[in-house]
């Protein structure tokens, strides 16, 4: 299941620690990031989840620095502002 759909359904997530992942997850309590090359670590975390013993680390989105804009209108204003 895609990350955004699983998150919308409130599912617990174990996500590969890769560049895209934190941005895709955003802010979410039931997530932990894992080493994508550590199969035993993944297996242990999955078992811990099934046993009800796993504690998710969670994720918090940080706002990007300037020159960040949140929509097309802001982008147009930024690009056409006189210096």
PDB file of N, CA and C in Angstrom:
ATOM      1  N   UNK A   1       0.841  -1.164   0.000  1.00  0.00           N
ATOM      2  CA  UNK A   1       0.000   0.000   0.000  1.00  0.00           C
ATOM      3  C   UNK A   1       0.898   1.243   0.000  1.00  0.00           C
ATOM      4  N   UNK A   2       0.571   2.238  -0.808  1.00  0.00           N
ATOM      5  CA  UNK A   2       1.364   3.469  -0.824  1.00  0.00           C
ATOM      6  C   UNK A   2       1.378   4.147   0.551  1.00  0.00           C
ATOM      7  N   UNK A   3       2.453   4.848   0.829  1.00  0.00           N
ATOM      8  CA  UNK A   3       2.642   5.507   2.117  1.00  0.00           C
ATOM      9  C   UNK A   3       1.481   6.440   2.437  1.00  0.00           C
ATOM     10  N   UNK A   4       1.087   7.282   1.500  1.00  0.00           N
ATOM     11  CA  UNK A   4       0.032   8.268   1.773  1.00  0.00           C
ATOM     12  C   UNK A   4      -1.304   7.594   2.086  1.00  0.00           C
ATOM     13  N   UNK A   5      -1.611   6.487   1.416  1.00  0.00           N
ATOM     14  CA  UNK A   5      -2.861   5.776   1.686  1.00  0.00           C
ATOM     15  C   UNK A   5      -2.816   5.098   3.044  1.00  0.00           C
ATOM     16  N   UNK A   6      -1.700   4.449   3.372  1.00  0.00           N
ATOM     17  CA  UNK A   6      -1.563   3.785   4.668  1.00  0.00           C
ATOM     18  C   UNK A   6      -1.666   4.804   5.795  1.00  0.00           C
ATOM     19  N   UNK A   7      -1.052   5.954   5.610  1.00  0.00           N
ATOM     20  CA  UNK A   7      -1.105   7.018   6.618  1.00  0.00           C
ATOM     21  C   UNK A   7      -2.540   7.514   6.784  1.00  0.00           C
ATOM     22  N   UNK A   8      -3.251   7.720   5.678  1.00  0.00           N
ATOM     23  CA  UNK A   8      -4.644   8.191   5.739  1.00  0.00           C
ATOM     24  C   UNK A   8      -5.544   7.207   6.476  1.00  0.00           C
ATOM     25  N   UNK A   9      -5.207   5.923   6.427  1.00  0.00           N
ATOM     26  CA  UNK A   9      -5.987   4.892   7.110  1.00  0.00           C
ATOM     27  C   UNK A   9      -5.507   4.642   8.536  1.00  0.00           C
ATOM     28  N   UNK A  10      -4.483   5.374   8.981  1.00  0.00           N
ATOM     29  CA  UNK A  10      -3.974   5.233  10.341  1.00  0.00           C
ATOM     30  C   UNK A  10      -3.179   3.965  10.576  1.00  0.00           C
ATOM     31  N   UNK A  11      -2.612   3.398   9.524  1.00  0.00           N
ATOM     32  CA  UNK A  11      -1.843   2.161   9.638  1.00  0.00           C
ATOM     33  C   UNK A  11      -0.450   2.443  10.192  1.00  0.00           C
ATOM     34  N   UNK A  12       0.123   1.475  10.925  1.00  0.00           N
ATOM     35  CA  UNK A  12       1.515   1.619  11.358  1.00  0.00           C
ATOM     36  C   UNK A  12       2.442   1.466  10.153  1.00  0.00           C
ATOM     37  N   UNK A  13       3.519   2.222  10.135  1.00  0.00           N
ATOM     38  CA  UNK A  13       4.421   2.213   8.986  1.00  0.00           C
ATOM     39  C   UNK A  13       5.862   1.950   9.396  1.00  0.00           C
ATOM     40  N   UNK A  14       6.494   1.039   8.696  1.00  0.00           N
ATOM     41  CA  UNK A  14       7.944   0.869   8.725  1.00  0.00           C
ATOM     42  C   UNK A  14       8.409   1.286   7.340  1.00  0.00           C
ATOM     43  N   UNK A  15       9.159   2.361   7.278  1.00  0.00           N
ATOM     44  CA  UNK A  15       9.532   2.974   6.004  1.00  0.00           C
ATOM     45  C   UNK A  15      11.046   2.952   5.841  1.00  0.00           C
ATOM     46  N   UNK A  16      11.488   2.616   4.632  1.00  0.00           N
ATOM     47  CA  UNK A  16      12.924   2.617   4.332  1.00  0.00           C
ATOM     48  C   UNK A  16      13.500   4.010   4.536  1.00  0.00           C
ATOM     49  N   UNK A  17      14.633   4.068   5.181  1.00  0.00           N
ATOM     50  CA  UNK A  17      15.346   5.331   5.423  1.00  0.00           C
ATOM     51  C   UNK A  17      16.021   5.739   4.115  1.00  0.00           C
ATOM     52  N   UNK A  18      15.232   6.369   3.255  1.00  0.00           N
ATOM     53  CA  UNK A  18      15.704   6.833   1.950  1.00  0.00           C
ATOM     54  C   UNK A  18      15.285   8.289   1.777  1.00  0.00           C
ATOM     55  N   UNK A  19      15.945   9.030   0.876  1.00  0.00           N
ATOM     56  CA  UNK A  19      15.717  10.471   0.760  1.00  0.00           C
ATOM     57  C   UNK A  19      14.254  10.901   0.606  1.00  0.00           C
ATOM     58  N   UNK A  20      13.458  10.173  -0.152  1.00  0.00           N
ATOM     59  CA  UNK A  20      12.077  10.583  -0.394  1.00  0.00           C
ATOM     60  C   UNK A  20      11.158  10.370   0.819  1.00  0.00           C
ATOM     61  N   UNK A  21      11.527   9.459   1.697  1.00  0.00           N
ATOM     62  CA  UNK A  21      10.611   8.927   2.703  1.00  0.00           C
ATOM     63  C   UNK A  21      10.103   9.953   3.703  1.00  0.00           C
ATOM     64  N   UNK A  22      10.970  10.777   4.254  1.00  0.00           N
ATOM     65  CA  UNK A  22      10.534  11.735   5.277  1.00  0.00           C
ATOM     66  C   UNK A  22       9.547  12.753   4.710  1.00  0.00           C
ATOM     67  N   UNK A  23       9.805  13.216   3.509  1.00  0.00           N
ATOM     68  CA  UNK A  23       8.886  14.165   2.872  1.00  0.00           C
ATOM     69  C   UNK A  23       7.538  13.502   2.605  1.00  0.00           C
ATOM     70  N   UNK A  24       7.558  12.256   2.157  1.00  0.00           N
ATOM     71  CA  UNK A  24       6.318  11.543   1.848  1.00  0.00           C
ATOM     72  C   UNK A  24       5.504  11.279   3.102  1.00  0.00           C
ATOM     73  N   UNK A  25       6.160  10.892   4.179  1.00  0.00           N
ATOM     74  CA  UNK A  25       5.463  10.599   5.437  1.00  0.00           C
ATOM     75  C   UNK A  25       4.940  11.873   6.083  1.00  0.00           C
ATOM     76  N   UNK A  26       5.742  12.926   6.072  1.00  0.00           N
ATOM     77  CA  UNK A  26       5.331  14.158   6.733  1.00  0.00           C
ATOM     78  C   UNK A  26       5.326  13.984   8.241  1.00  0.00           C
ATOM     79  N   UNK A  27       4.304  14.516   8.901  1.00  0.00           N
ATOM     80  CA  UNK A  27       4.165  14.387  10.344  1.00  0.00           C
ATOM     81  C   UNK A  27       3.227  13.224  10.629  1.00  0.00           C
ATOM     82  N   UNK A  28       3.716  12.256  11.396  1.00  0.00           N
ATOM     83  CA  UNK A  28       2.919  11.052  11.667  1.00  0.00           C
ATOM     84  C   UNK A  28       3.496  10.325  12.870  1.00  0.00           C
ATOM     85  N   UNK A  29       2.634   9.902  13.784  1.00  0.00           N
ATOM     86  CA  UNK A  29       3.089   9.249  15.014  1.00  0.00           C
ATOM     87  C   UNK A  29       3.457   7.781  14.825  1.00  0.00           C
ATOM     88  N   UNK A  30       2.706   7.064  14.003  1.00  0.00           N
ATOM     89  CA  UNK A  30       2.888   5.613  13.898  1.00  0.00           C
ATOM     90  C   UNK A  30       3.830   5.237  12.753  1.00  0.00           C
ATOM     91  N   UNK A  31       5.045   5.779  12.793  1.00  0.00           N
ATOM     92  CA  UNK A  31       6.037   5.474  11.764  1.00  0.00           C
ATOM     93  C   UNK A  31       7.412   5.328  12.409  1.00  0.00           C
ATOM     94  N   UNK A  32       8.191   4.438  11.837  1.00  0.00           N
ATOM     95  CA  UNK A  32       9.614   4.327  12.153  1.00  0.00           C
ATOM     96  C   UNK A  32      10.338   4.067  10.846  1.00  0.00           C
ATOM     97  N   UNK A  33      11.539   4.594  10.749  1.00  0.00           N
ATOM     98  CA  UNK A  33      12.342   4.428   9.549  1.00  0.00           C
ATOM     99  C   UNK A  33      13.349   3.307   9.777  1.00  0.00           C
ATOM    100  N   UNK A  34      13.565   2.514   8.743  1.00  0.00           N
ATOM    101  CA  UNK A  34      14.420   1.332   8.853  1.00  0.00           C
ATOM    102  C   UNK A  34      15.514   1.345   7.800  1.00  0.00           C
ATOM    103  N   UNK A  35      16.590   0.648   8.088  1.00  0.00           N
ATOM    104  CA  UNK A  35      17.679   0.446   7.129  1.00  0.00           C
ATOM    105  C   UNK A  35      17.163  -0.491   6.036  1.00  0.00           C
ATOM    106  N   UNK A  36      17.101  -0.039   4.788  1.00  0.00           N
ATOM    107  CA  UNK A  36      16.539  -0.886   3.729  1.00  0.00           C
ATOM    108  C   UNK A  36      17.393  -2.113   3.401  1.00  0.00           C
ATOM    109  N   UNK A  37      18.586  -2.191   3.955  1.00  0.00           N
ATOM    110  CA  UNK A  37      19.476  -3.319   3.676  1.00  0.00           C
ATOM    111  C   UNK A  37      19.612  -4.271   4.866  1.00  0.00           C
ATOM    112  N   UNK A  38      18.815  -4.068   5.905  1.00  0.00           N
ATOM    113  CA  UNK A  38      18.893  -4.883   7.111  1.00  0.00           C
ATOM    114  C   UNK A  38      17.634  -5.740   7.252  1.00  0.00           C
ATOM    115  N   UNK A  39      17.630  -6.901   6.590  1.00  0.00           N
ATOM    116  CA  UNK A  39      16.459  -7.780   6.597  1.00  0.00           C
ATOM    117  C   UNK A  39      16.133  -8.297   7.991  1.00  0.00           C
ATOM    118  N   UNK A  40      17.154  -8.620   8.773  1.00  0.00           N
ATOM    119  CA  UNK A  40      16.905  -9.123  10.129  1.00  0.00           C
ATOM    120  C   UNK A  40      16.343  -8.023  11.035  1.00  0.00           C
ATOM    121  N   UNK A  41      16.837  -6.827  10.874  1.00  0.00           N
ATOM    122  CA  UNK A  41      16.300  -5.703  11.642  1.00  0.00           C
ATOM    123  C   UNK A  41      14.829  -5.484  11.326  1.00  0.00           C
ATOM    124  N   UNK A  42      14.473  -5.564  10.053  1.00  0.00           N
ATOM    125  CA  UNK A  42      13.080  -5.431   9.636  1.00  0.00           C
ATOM    126  C   UNK A  42      12.239  -6.544  10.246  1.00  0.00           C
ATOM    127  N   UNK A  43      12.719  -7.777  10.164  1.00  0.00           N
ATOM    128  CA  UNK A  43      11.984  -8.919  10.720  1.00  0.00           C
ATOM    129  C   UNK A  43      11.760  -8.739  12.221  1.00  0.00           C
ATOM    130  N   UNK A  44      12.780  -8.290  12.931  1.00  0.00           N
ATOM    131  CA  UNK A  44      12.657  -8.090  14.378  1.00  0.00           C
ATOM    132  C   UNK A  44      11.647  -6.994  14.714  1.00  0.00           C
ATOM    133  N   UNK A  45      11.655  -5.919  13.941  1.00  0.00           N
ATOM    134  CA  UNK A  45      10.702  -4.840  14.181  1.00  0.00           C
ATOM    135  C   UNK A  45       9.281  -5.290  13.873  1.00  0.00           C
ATOM    136  N   UNK A  46       9.108  -6.059  12.808  1.00  0.00           N
ATOM    137  CA  UNK A  46       7.783  -6.566  12.463  1.00  0.00           C
ATOM    138  C   UNK A  46       7.251  -7.485  13.564  1.00  0.00           C
ATOM    139  N   UNK A  47       8.112  -8.348  14.081  1.00  0.00           N
ATOM    140  CA  UNK A  47       7.701  -9.244  15.161  1.00  0.00           C
ATOM    141  C   UNK A  47       7.337  -8.446  16.405  1.00  0.00           C
ATOM    142  N   UNK A  48       8.118  -7.421  16.705  1.00  0.00           N
ATOM    143  CA  UNK A  48       7.853  -6.577  17.857  1.00  0.00           C
ATOM    144  C   UNK A  48       6.498  -5.870  17.714  1.00  0.00           C
ATOM    145  N   UNK A  49       6.167  -5.437  16.505  1.00  0.00           N
ATOM    146  CA  UNK A  49       4.860  -4.813  16.246  1.00  0.00           C
ATOM    147  C   UNK A  49       3.752  -5.827  16.495  1.00  0.00           C
ATOM    148  N   UNK A  50       3.912  -7.029  15.966  1.00  0.00           N
ATOM    149  CA  UNK A  50       2.891  -8.068  16.134  1.00  0.00           C
ATOM    150  C   UNK A  50       2.718  -8.443  17.605  1.00  0.00           C
ATOM    151  N   UNK A  51       3.784  -8.374  18.382  1.00  0.00           N
ATOM    152  CA  UNK A  51       3.731  -8.696  19.812  1.00  0.00           C
ATOM    153  C   UNK A  51       3.219  -7.523  20.653  1.00  0.00           C
ATOM    154  N   UNK A  52       2.999  -6.360  20.004  1.00  0.00           N
ATOM    155  CA  UNK A  52       2.517  -5.178  20.714  1.00  0.00           C
ATOM    156  C   UNK A  52       3.570  -4.493  21.558  1.00  0.00           C
ATOM    157  N   UNK A  53       4.839  -4.741  21.280  1.00  0.00           N
ATOM    158  CA  UNK A  53       5.935  -4.194  22.095  1.00  0.00           C
ATOM    159  C   UNK A  53       6.715  -3.073  21.404  1.00  0.00           C
ATOM    160  N   UNK A  54       6.436  -2.828  20.154  1.00  0.00           N
ATOM    161  CA  UNK A  54       7.224  -1.867  19.385  1.00  0.00           C
ATOM    162  C   UNK A  54       6.798  -0.443  19.697  1.00  0.00           C
ATOM    163  N   UNK A  55       7.743   0.446  19.826  1.00  0.00           N
ATOM    164  CA  UNK A  55       7.488   1.871  20.030  1.00  0.00           C
ATOM    165  C   UNK A  55       7.921   2.622  18.774  1.00  0.00           C
ATOM    166  N   UNK A  56       6.966   3.222  18.089  1.00  0.00           N
ATOM    167  CA  UNK A  56       7.274   3.978  16.883  1.00  0.00           C
ATOM    168  C   UNK A  56       7.983   5.277  17.251  1.00  0.00           C
ATOM    169  N   UNK A  57       8.947   5.666  16.431  1.00  0.00           N
ATOM    170  CA  UNK A  57       9.698   6.892  16.697  1.00  0.00           C
ATOM    171  C   UNK A  57       8.923   8.128  16.267  1.00  0.00           C
ATOM    172  N   UNK A  58       8.039   7.994  15.280  1.00  0.00           N
ATOM    173  CA  UNK A  58       7.270   9.124  14.783  1.00  0.00           C
ATOM    174  C   UNK A  58       8.106  10.012  13.872  1.00  0.00           C
ATOM    175  N   UNK A  59       7.435  10.899  13.194  1.00  0.00           N
ATOM    176  CA  UNK A  59       8.105  11.832  12.279  1.00  0.00           C
ATOM    177  C   UNK A  59       7.413  13.182  12.352  1.00  0.00           C
ATOM    178  N   UNK A  60       8.200  14.229  12.237  1.00  0.00           N
ATOM    179  CA  UNK A  60       7.674  15.592  12.250  1.00  0.00           C
ATOM    180  C   UNK A  60       8.221  16.305  11.024  1.00  0.00           C
ATOM    181  N   UNK A  61       7.331  16.924  10.279  1.00  0.00           N
ATOM    182  CA  UNK A  61       7.728  17.683   9.095  1.00  0.00           C
ATOM    183  C   UNK A  61       8.327  19.014   9.510  1.00  0.00           C
ATOM    184  N   UNK A  62       9.400  19.375   8.867  1.00  0.00           N
ATOM    185  CA  UNK A  62       9.975  20.702   9.082  1.00  0.00           C
ATOM    186  C   UNK A  62       9.729  21.529   7.828  1.00  0.00           C
ATOM    187  N   UNK A  63       9.484  22.795   8.026  1.00  0.00           N
ATOM    188  CA  UNK A  63       9.235  23.668   6.884  1.00  0.00           C
ATOM    189  C   UNK A  63      10.541  23.943   6.150  1.00  0.00           C
ATOM    190  N   UNK A  64      10.501  23.905   4.825  1.00  0.00           N
ATOM    191  CA  UNK A  64      11.706  24.237   4.068  1.00  0.00           C
ATOM    192  C   UNK A  64      12.024  25.722   4.197  1.00  0.00           C
ATOM    193  N   UNK A  65      13.281  26.038   4.003  1.00  0.00           N
ATOM    194  CA  UNK A  65      13.709  27.432   4.090  1.00  0.00           C
ATOM    195  C   UNK A  65      13.330  28.225   2.849  1.00  0.00           C
ATOM    196  N   UNK A  66      13.520  29.511   2.930  1.00  0.00           N
ATOM    197  CA  UNK A  66      13.249  30.383   1.779  1.00  0.00           C
ATOM    198  C   UNK A  66      14.230  30.072   0.657  1.00  0.00           C
ATOM    199  N   UNK A  67      13.859  30.185  -0.563  1.00  0.00           N
ATOM    200  CA  UNK A  67      12.636  30.751  -1.104  1.00  0.00           C
ATOM    201  C   UNK A  67      11.561  29.689  -1.337  1.00  0.00           C
ATOM    202  N   UNK A  68      10.865  29.287  -0.313  1.00  0.00           N
ATOM    203  CA  UNK A  68       9.781  28.318  -0.411  1.00  0.00           C
ATOM    204  C   UNK A  68       8.465  29.052  -0.595  1.00  0.00           C
ATOM    205  N   UNK A  69       7.627  28.510  -1.473  1.00  0.00           N
ATOM    206  CA  UNK A  69       6.264  29.022  -1.644  1.00  0.00           C
ATOM    207  C   UNK A  69       5.310  27.840  -1.577  1.00  0.00           C
ATOM    208  N   UNK A  70       4.101  28.092  -1.130  1.00  0.00           N
ATOM    209  CA  UNK A  70       3.154  26.992  -0.944  1.00  0.00           C
ATOM    210  C   UNK A  70       2.166  26.820  -2.079  1.00  0.00           C
ATOM    211  N   UNK A  71       2.130  27.762  -3.020  1.00  0.00           N
ATOM    212  CA  UNK A  71       1.199  27.610  -4.145  1.00  0.00           C
ATOM    213  C   UNK A  71       1.686  28.427  -5.344  1.00  0.00           C
ATOM    214  N   UNK A  72       0.967  28.278  -6.442  1.00  0.00           N
ATOM    215  CA  UNK A  72       1.369  28.931  -7.690  1.00  0.00           C
ATOM    216  C   UNK A  72       1.306  30.451  -7.588  1.00  0.00           C
ATOM    217  N   UNK A  73       0.307  30.962  -6.877  1.00  0.00           N
ATOM    218  CA  UNK A  73       0.176  32.419  -6.744  1.00  0.00           C
ATOM    219  C   UNK A  73       1.408  32.996  -6.038  1.00  0.00           C
ATOM    220  N   UNK A  74       1.815  32.361  -4.943  1.00  0.00           N
ATOM    221  CA  UNK A  74       3.002  32.832  -4.220  1.00  0.00           C
ATOM    222  C   UNK A  74       4.246  32.746  -5.098  1.00  0.00           C
ATOM    223  N   UNK A  75       4.344  31.709  -5.907  1.00  0.00           N
ATOM    224  CA  UNK A  75       5.489  31.570  -6.808  1.00  0.00           C
ATOM    225  C   UNK A  75       5.512  32.706  -7.817  1.00  0.00           C
ATOM    226  N   UNK A  76       4.368  33.002  -8.399  1.00  0.00           N
ATOM    227  CA  UNK A  76       4.284  34.101  -9.363  1.00  0.00           C
ATOM    228  C   UNK A  76       4.676  35.415  -8.708  1.00  0.00           C
ATOM    229  N   UNK A  77       4.203  35.641  -7.488  1.00  0.00           N
ATOM    230  CA  UNK A  77       4.547  36.889  -6.781  1.00  0.00           C
ATOM    231  C   UNK A  77       6.055  36.947  -6.505  1.00  0.00           C
ATOM    232  N   UNK A  78       6.630  35.832  -6.127  1.00  0.00           N
ATOM    233  CA  UNK A  78       8.076  35.787  -5.840  1.00  0.00           C
ATOM    234  C   UNK A  78       8.880  36.068  -7.105  1.00  0.00           C
ATOM    235  N   UNK A  79       8.480  35.454  -8.198  1.00  0.00           N
ATOM    236  CA  UNK A  79       9.230  35.600  -9.448  1.00  0.00           C
ATOM    237  C   UNK A  79       9.079  36.972 -10.086  1.00  0.00           C
ATOM    238  N   UNK A  80       7.964  37.636  -9.840  1.00  0.00           N
ATOM    239  CA  UNK A  80       7.733  38.931 -10.492  1.00  0.00           C
ATOM    240  C   UNK A  80       7.985  40.123  -9.570  1.00  0.00           C
ATOM    241  N   UNK A  81       8.383  39.846  -8.333  1.00  0.00           N
ATOM    242  CA  UNK A  81       8.651  40.956  -7.398  1.00  0.00           C
ATOM    243  C   UNK A  81       9.850  41.757  -7.886  1.00  0.00           C
ATOM    244  N   UNK A  82       9.721  43.080  -7.831  1.00  0.00           N
ATOM    245  CA  UNK A  82      10.843  43.924  -8.250  1.00  0.00           C
ATOM    246  C   UNK A  82      11.892  43.947  -7.146  1.00  0.00           C
ATOM    247  N   UNK A  83      13.115  43.961  -7.554  1.00  0.00           N
ATOM    248  CA  UNK A  83      14.238  43.907  -6.604  1.00  0.00           C
ATOM    249  C   UNK A  83      14.645  45.277  -6.194  1.00  0.00           C
TER     250      UNK A  83
END
